[in-house]
């Protein structure tokens, strides 16, 4: 059930912009939920968008 909610959030979101990964995501749905999740994660890791972890403090490394 968690994976369905995760993918639903990636398919339908509040932004008006076209989803660059949507067509590949919808094709992967014919295979499996796991494959579809990997399509999104692959997009996320290989896109030019900067990833930000919310709620994390920056730590100075000495």
N, C-alpha and C. Protein backbone atom coordinates (compact mmCIF):
# COMPACT_ATOMS: atom_id res chain seq x y z
N UNK A 1 0.82 -1.19 0.00
CA UNK A 1 0.00 0.00 0.00
C UNK A 1 0.86 1.26 0.00
N UNK A 2 1.97 1.24 0.73
CA UNK A 2 2.86 2.40 0.79
C UNK A 2 3.39 2.77 -0.59
N UNK A 3 3.74 1.77 -1.38
CA UNK A 3 4.29 2.02 -2.70
C UNK A 3 3.23 2.64 -3.62
N UNK A 4 1.99 2.25 -3.46
CA UNK A 4 0.91 2.83 -4.26
C UNK A 4 0.74 4.31 -3.94
N UNK A 5 0.77 4.65 -2.68
CA UNK A 5 0.66 6.05 -2.27
C UNK A 5 1.87 6.84 -2.76
N UNK A 6 3.06 6.27 -2.64
CA UNK A 6 4.28 6.91 -3.12
C UNK A 6 4.17 7.23 -4.61
N UNK A 7 3.75 6.26 -5.40
CA UNK A 7 3.66 6.45 -6.85
C UNK A 7 2.52 7.39 -7.23
N UNK A 8 1.43 7.32 -6.52
CA UNK A 8 0.32 8.23 -6.80
C UNK A 8 0.76 9.68 -6.60
N UNK A 9 1.56 9.91 -5.59
CA UNK A 9 2.09 11.25 -5.32
C UNK A 9 3.00 11.70 -6.46
N UNK A 10 3.71 10.79 -7.09
CA UNK A 10 4.64 11.15 -8.17
C UNK A 10 3.91 11.34 -9.49
N UNK A 11 2.74 10.72 -9.64
CA UNK A 11 1.98 10.84 -10.87
C UNK A 11 1.10 12.09 -10.86
N UNK A 12 0.48 12.36 -9.74
CA UNK A 12 -0.43 13.50 -9.62
C UNK A 12 0.06 14.40 -8.51
N UNK A 13 0.50 15.59 -8.88
CA UNK A 13 0.99 16.51 -7.86
C UNK A 13 0.38 17.88 -8.03
N UNK A 14 0.71 18.82 -7.16
CA UNK A 14 0.07 20.13 -7.12
C UNK A 14 0.65 21.11 -8.14
N UNK A 15 1.75 20.81 -8.74
CA UNK A 15 2.38 21.74 -9.67
C UNK A 15 1.72 21.65 -11.04
N UNK A 16 1.77 22.75 -11.76
CA UNK A 16 1.16 22.80 -13.08
C UNK A 16 2.11 22.31 -14.17
N UNK A 17 3.38 22.25 -13.88
CA UNK A 17 4.39 21.86 -14.89
C UNK A 17 4.22 20.41 -15.31
N UNK A 18 4.62 20.14 -16.54
CA UNK A 18 4.59 18.77 -17.07
C UNK A 18 5.65 17.93 -16.34
N UNK A 19 5.30 16.72 -15.99
CA UNK A 19 6.23 15.83 -15.31
C UNK A 19 7.16 15.20 -16.35
N UNK A 20 8.46 15.44 -16.27
CA UNK A 20 9.38 14.93 -17.30
C UNK A 20 9.51 13.41 -17.31
N UNK A 21 9.14 12.75 -16.24
CA UNK A 21 9.29 11.30 -16.13
C UNK A 21 7.97 10.55 -16.29
N UNK A 22 6.87 11.26 -16.51
CA UNK A 22 5.55 10.65 -16.46
C UNK A 22 5.34 9.54 -17.49
N UNK A 23 5.72 9.74 -18.73
CA UNK A 23 5.46 8.72 -19.75
C UNK A 23 6.19 7.42 -19.44
N UNK A 24 7.46 7.54 -19.00
CA UNK A 24 8.22 6.34 -18.65
C UNK A 24 7.64 5.66 -17.40
N UNK A 25 7.17 6.47 -16.48
CA UNK A 25 6.56 5.94 -15.25
C UNK A 25 5.30 5.15 -15.58
N UNK A 26 4.46 5.70 -16.45
CA UNK A 26 3.22 5.02 -16.81
C UNK A 26 3.49 3.72 -17.57
N UNK A 27 4.52 3.70 -18.41
CA UNK A 27 4.90 2.46 -19.10
C UNK A 27 5.37 1.40 -18.11
N UNK A 28 6.12 1.81 -17.11
CA UNK A 28 6.65 0.88 -16.12
C UNK A 28 5.54 0.27 -15.26
N UNK A 29 4.41 0.96 -15.14
CA UNK A 29 3.29 0.43 -14.35
C UNK A 29 2.79 -0.90 -14.91
N UNK A 30 2.99 -1.12 -16.21
CA UNK A 30 2.58 -2.40 -16.80
C UNK A 30 3.45 -3.55 -16.32
N UNK A 31 4.63 -3.24 -15.82
CA UNK A 31 5.57 -4.27 -15.35
C UNK A 31 5.35 -4.57 -13.87
N UNK A 32 5.58 -3.57 -13.01
CA UNK A 32 5.41 -3.77 -11.57
C UNK A 32 5.51 -2.44 -10.84
N UNK A 33 5.03 -2.42 -9.62
CA UNK A 33 5.16 -1.22 -8.78
C UNK A 33 6.63 -0.95 -8.44
N UNK A 34 7.38 -2.02 -8.24
CA UNK A 34 8.80 -1.88 -7.92
C UNK A 34 9.56 -1.22 -9.07
N UNK A 35 9.31 -1.70 -10.29
CA UNK A 35 9.96 -1.13 -11.48
C UNK A 35 9.57 0.34 -11.63
N UNK A 36 8.32 0.65 -11.39
CA UNK A 36 7.84 2.03 -11.51
C UNK A 36 8.52 2.92 -10.48
N UNK A 37 8.67 2.43 -9.27
CA UNK A 37 9.37 3.20 -8.23
C UNK A 37 10.82 3.45 -8.64
N UNK A 38 11.46 2.45 -9.21
CA UNK A 38 12.85 2.60 -9.65
C UNK A 38 12.98 3.62 -10.78
N UNK A 39 11.99 3.69 -11.65
CA UNK A 39 12.00 4.69 -12.72
C UNK A 39 12.03 6.09 -12.11
N UNK A 40 11.18 6.33 -11.12
CA UNK A 40 11.16 7.64 -10.48
C UNK A 40 12.47 7.92 -9.74
N UNK A 41 12.95 6.97 -8.98
CA UNK A 41 14.20 7.17 -8.23
C UNK A 41 15.38 7.40 -9.17
N UNK A 42 15.41 6.70 -10.29
CA UNK A 42 16.45 6.91 -11.28
C UNK A 42 16.38 8.33 -11.83
N UNK A 43 15.18 8.79 -12.13
CA UNK A 43 15.00 10.17 -12.59
C UNK A 43 15.51 11.15 -11.54
N UNK A 44 15.13 10.94 -10.31
CA UNK A 44 15.49 11.84 -9.23
C UNK A 44 17.01 11.92 -9.05
N UNK A 45 17.67 10.78 -9.07
CA UNK A 45 19.12 10.75 -8.85
C UNK A 45 19.91 11.26 -10.05
N UNK A 46 19.34 11.17 -11.25
CA UNK A 46 20.06 11.59 -12.45
C UNK A 46 19.61 12.93 -13.01
N UNK A 47 18.67 13.58 -12.37
CA UNK A 47 18.20 14.88 -12.86
C UNK A 47 19.14 15.97 -12.38
N UNK A 48 18.99 17.12 -12.98
CA UNK A 48 19.85 18.24 -12.61
C UNK A 48 19.33 18.99 -11.39
N UNK A 49 18.22 18.51 -10.83
CA UNK A 49 17.68 19.16 -9.65
C UNK A 49 18.55 18.85 -8.44
N UNK A 50 18.64 19.84 -7.56
CA UNK A 50 19.43 19.65 -6.35
C UNK A 50 18.58 18.93 -5.32
N UNK A 51 19.14 17.91 -4.70
CA UNK A 51 18.45 17.19 -3.63
C UNK A 51 18.70 17.88 -2.30
N UNK A 52 17.68 17.97 -1.48
CA UNK A 52 17.80 18.60 -0.18
C UNK A 52 17.10 17.73 0.85
N UNK A 53 17.79 17.40 1.90
CA UNK A 53 17.21 16.61 2.97
C UNK A 53 16.63 17.58 4.00
N UNK A 54 15.32 17.54 4.15
CA UNK A 54 14.66 18.46 5.07
C UNK A 54 14.92 18.08 6.52
N UNK A 55 15.08 19.10 7.36
CA UNK A 55 15.21 18.88 8.78
C UNK A 55 16.61 18.50 9.23
N UNK A 56 17.56 18.50 8.32
CA UNK A 56 18.93 18.15 8.69
C UNK A 56 19.74 19.42 8.92
N UNK A 57 20.55 19.41 9.95
CA UNK A 57 21.45 20.52 10.21
C UNK A 57 22.76 20.26 9.51
N UNK A 58 23.39 21.34 9.06
CA UNK A 58 24.71 21.20 8.47
C UNK A 58 25.73 21.04 9.59
N UNK A 59 26.62 20.12 9.42
CA UNK A 59 27.66 19.88 10.41
C UNK A 59 29.00 20.23 9.81
N UNK A 60 29.80 20.94 10.58
CA UNK A 60 31.14 21.29 10.15
C UNK A 60 32.06 20.11 10.43
N UNK A 61 32.77 19.69 9.41
CA UNK A 61 33.73 18.59 9.57
C UNK A 61 35.10 19.19 9.76
N UNK A 62 35.74 18.83 10.88
CA UNK A 62 37.08 19.37 11.17
C UNK A 62 38.15 18.50 10.60
